[in-house]
Amino acid sequence: MPQIADQFYWGHRIHRLGLGPAPVPPRRITAAKLARALAEIIENPTYAENARALGEEMKFEDGIPGVVDIVTGRGAGSELSVGVGGLSR
């Protein structure tokens, strides 16, 4: 149940990806709606299957260079590596 900031976005994103039920806005929540959502998460095996499949896809992503590009604005993410000591070339 989203409460603030980006939780609303992520709740809808999770639902669109088939990873969980549609989020219930706080103003519309009832005990029955919350119980239905929790039951759906527990009883719907598709959510777990979709999460496993997405996790497998994400294993092969190398997001660090892209993040470095965004954060530094240098477009040099593919030339930098991040280690315990921080960024290096």
C-alpha atoms as a PDB file:
ATOM      1  CA  MET A   1       0.000   0.000   0.000  1.00  0.00           C
ATOM      2  CA  PRO A   2       1.769   3.165  -1.195  1.00  0.00           C
ATOM      3  CA  GLN A   3       2.001   6.053   1.246  1.00  0.00           C
ATOM      4  CA  ILE A   4       4.377   8.735  -0.064  1.00  0.00           C
ATOM      5  CA  ALA A   5       6.637   9.847  -2.890  1.00  0.00           C
ATOM      6  CA  ASP A   6       7.774   7.185  -5.356  1.00  0.00           C
ATOM      7  CA  GLN A   7       5.848   4.350  -3.679  1.00  0.00           C
ATOM      8  CA  PHE A   8       2.867   5.123  -5.924  1.00  0.00           C
ATOM      9  CA  TYR A   9       5.002   4.802  -9.066  1.00  0.00           C
ATOM     10  CA  TRP A  10       6.623   1.549  -7.919  1.00  0.00           C
ATOM     11  CA  GLY A  11       3.301   0.053  -6.849  1.00  0.00           C
ATOM     12  CA  HIS A  12       1.889   0.601 -10.341  1.00  0.00           C
ATOM     13  CA  ARG A  13       5.129  -0.538 -11.981  1.00  0.00           C
ATOM     14  CA  ILE A  14       5.090  -3.800 -10.008  1.00  0.00           C
ATOM     15  CA  HIS A  15       1.507  -4.393 -11.060  1.00  0.00           C
ATOM     16  CA  ARG A  16       2.207  -3.633 -14.759  1.00  0.00           C
ATOM     17  CA  LEU A  17       5.135  -6.068 -14.701  1.00  0.00           C
ATOM     18  CA  GLY A  18       2.918  -8.799 -13.271  1.00  0.00           C
ATOM     19  CA  LEU A  19       4.858  -8.945 -10.011  1.00  0.00           C
ATOM     20  CA  GLY A  20       1.999  -8.070  -7.663  1.00  0.00           C
ATOM     21  CA  PRO A  21      -1.580  -6.859  -7.369  1.00  0.00           C
ATOM     22  CA  ALA A  22      -2.681  -3.318  -8.145  1.00  0.00           C
ATOM     23  CA  PRO A  23      -1.835  -0.921  -5.330  1.00  0.00           C
ATOM     24  CA  VAL A  24      -4.687   0.352  -3.197  1.00  0.00           C
ATOM     25  CA  PRO A  25      -4.643   4.111  -2.540  1.00  0.00           C
ATOM     26  CA  PRO A  26      -4.492   4.876   1.196  1.00  0.00           C
ATOM     27  CA  ARG A  27      -7.772   6.787   1.114  1.00  0.00           C
ATOM     28  CA  ARG A  28      -9.581   3.767  -0.288  1.00  0.00           C
ATOM     29  CA  ILE A  29      -8.065   1.040   1.842  1.00  0.00           C
ATOM     30  CA  THR A  30     -10.307  -1.171   3.920  1.00  0.00           C
ATOM     31  CA  ALA A  31      -9.547  -4.294   5.879  1.00  0.00           C
ATOM     32  CA  ALA A  32     -11.276  -6.342   3.181  1.00  0.00           C
ATOM     33  CA  LYS A  33      -9.253  -4.760   0.344  1.00  0.00           C
ATOM     34  CA  LEU A  34      -6.011  -5.272   2.220  1.00  0.00           C
ATOM     35  CA  ALA A  35      -6.931  -8.897   2.954  1.00  0.00           C
ATOM     36  CA  ARG A  36      -7.746  -9.493  -0.739  1.00  0.00           C
ATOM     37  CA  ALA A  37      -4.435  -7.989  -1.858  1.00  0.00           C
ATOM     38  CA  LEU A  38      -2.450 -10.057   0.636  1.00  0.00           C
ATOM     39  CA  ALA A  39      -4.317 -13.219  -0.338  1.00  0.00           C
ATOM     40  CA  GLU A  40      -3.660 -12.497  -4.014  1.00  0.00           C
ATOM     41  CA  ILE A  41       0.077 -12.135  -3.385  1.00  0.00           C
ATOM     42  CA  ILE A  42       0.185 -15.417  -1.470  1.00  0.00           C
ATOM     43  CA  GLU A  43      -2.142 -17.439  -3.696  1.00  0.00           C
ATOM     44  CA  ASN A  44      -1.129 -16.261  -7.178  1.00  0.00           C
ATOM     45  CA  PRO A  45       1.960 -18.223  -8.267  1.00  0.00           C
ATOM     46  CA  THR A  46       2.330 -16.050 -11.357  1.00  0.00           C
ATOM     47  CA  TYR A  47       3.801 -13.231  -9.274  1.00  0.00           C
ATOM     48  CA  ALA A  48       6.630 -15.428  -7.998  1.00  0.00           C
ATOM     49  CA  GLU A  49       7.212 -16.908 -11.467  1.00  0.00           C
ATOM     50  CA  ASN A  50       7.397 -13.438 -13.031  1.00  0.00           C
ATOM     51  CA  ALA A  51       9.736 -12.227 -10.278  1.00  0.00           C
ATOM     52  CA  ARG A  52      12.056 -15.199 -10.844  1.00  0.00           C
ATOM     53  CA  ALA A  53      12.081 -14.573 -14.613  1.00  0.00           C
ATOM     54  CA  LEU A  54      12.803 -10.874 -14.154  1.00  0.00           C
ATOM     55  CA  GLY A  55      15.568 -11.703 -11.680  1.00  0.00           C
ATOM     56  CA  GLU A  56      17.175 -14.026 -14.226  1.00  0.00           C
ATOM     57  CA  GLU A  57      17.134 -11.248 -16.841  1.00  0.00           C
ATOM     58  CA  MET A  58      18.618  -8.747 -14.421  1.00  0.00           C
ATOM     59  CA  LYS A  59      21.537 -11.042 -13.562  1.00  0.00           C
ATOM     60  CA  PHE A  60      23.120 -10.209 -16.903  1.00  0.00           C
ATOM     61  CA  GLU A  61      22.701  -6.431 -16.730  1.00  0.00           C
ATOM     62  CA  ASP A  62      25.702  -4.244 -16.013  1.00  0.00           C
ATOM     63  CA  GLY A  63      24.051  -1.136 -14.634  1.00  0.00           C
ATOM     64  CA  ILE A  64      27.082   0.497 -13.053  1.00  0.00           C
ATOM     65  CA  PRO A  65      28.463   2.132 -16.232  1.00  0.00           C
ATOM     66  CA  GLY A  66      25.049   3.577 -17.049  1.00  0.00           C
ATOM     67  CA  VAL A  67      24.630   4.981 -13.563  1.00  0.00           C
ATOM     68  CA  VAL A  68      28.105   6.507 -13.696  1.00  0.00           C
ATOM     69  CA  ASP A  69      27.176   8.160 -17.010  1.00  0.00           C
ATOM     70  CA  ILE A  70      24.057   9.662 -15.488  1.00  0.00           C
ATOM     71  CA  VAL A  71      25.637  10.766 -12.218  1.00  0.00           C
ATOM     72  CA  THR A  72      28.823  12.247 -13.656  1.00  0.00           C
ATOM     73  CA  GLY A  73      27.351  13.543 -16.907  1.00  0.00           C
ATOM     74  CA  ARG A  74      30.651  12.631 -18.546  1.00  0.00           C
ATOM     75  CA  GLY A  75      29.425   9.794 -20.691  1.00  0.00           C
ATOM     76  CA  ALA A  76      32.441   7.809 -19.556  1.00  0.00           C
ATOM     77  CA  GLY A  77      30.719   5.040 -17.645  1.00  0.00           C
ATOM     78  CA  SER A  78      32.041   2.293 -19.881  1.00  0.00           C
ATOM     79  CA  GLU A  79      35.592   3.487 -19.161  1.00  0.00           C
ATOM     80  CA  LEU A  80      35.184   3.585 -15.404  1.00  0.00           C
ATOM     81  CA  SER A  81      34.975   0.745 -12.938  1.00  0.00           C
ATOM     82  CA  VAL A  82      33.745   0.833  -9.389  1.00  0.00           C
ATOM     83  CA  GLY A  83      35.581  -1.079  -6.741  1.00  0.00           C
ATOM     84  CA  VAL A  84      36.045  -1.023  -3.003  1.00  0.00           C
ATOM     85  CA  GLY A  85      38.274   2.048  -3.307  1.00  0.00           C
ATOM     86  CA  GLY A  86      35.753   3.980  -5.421  1.00  0.00           C
ATOM     87  CA  LEU A  87      35.886   4.937  -9.092  1.00  0.00           C
ATOM     88  CA  SER A  88      38.944   4.158 -11.187  1.00  0.00           C
ATOM     89  CA  ARG A  89      39.863   4.395 -14.844  1.00  0.00           C
END
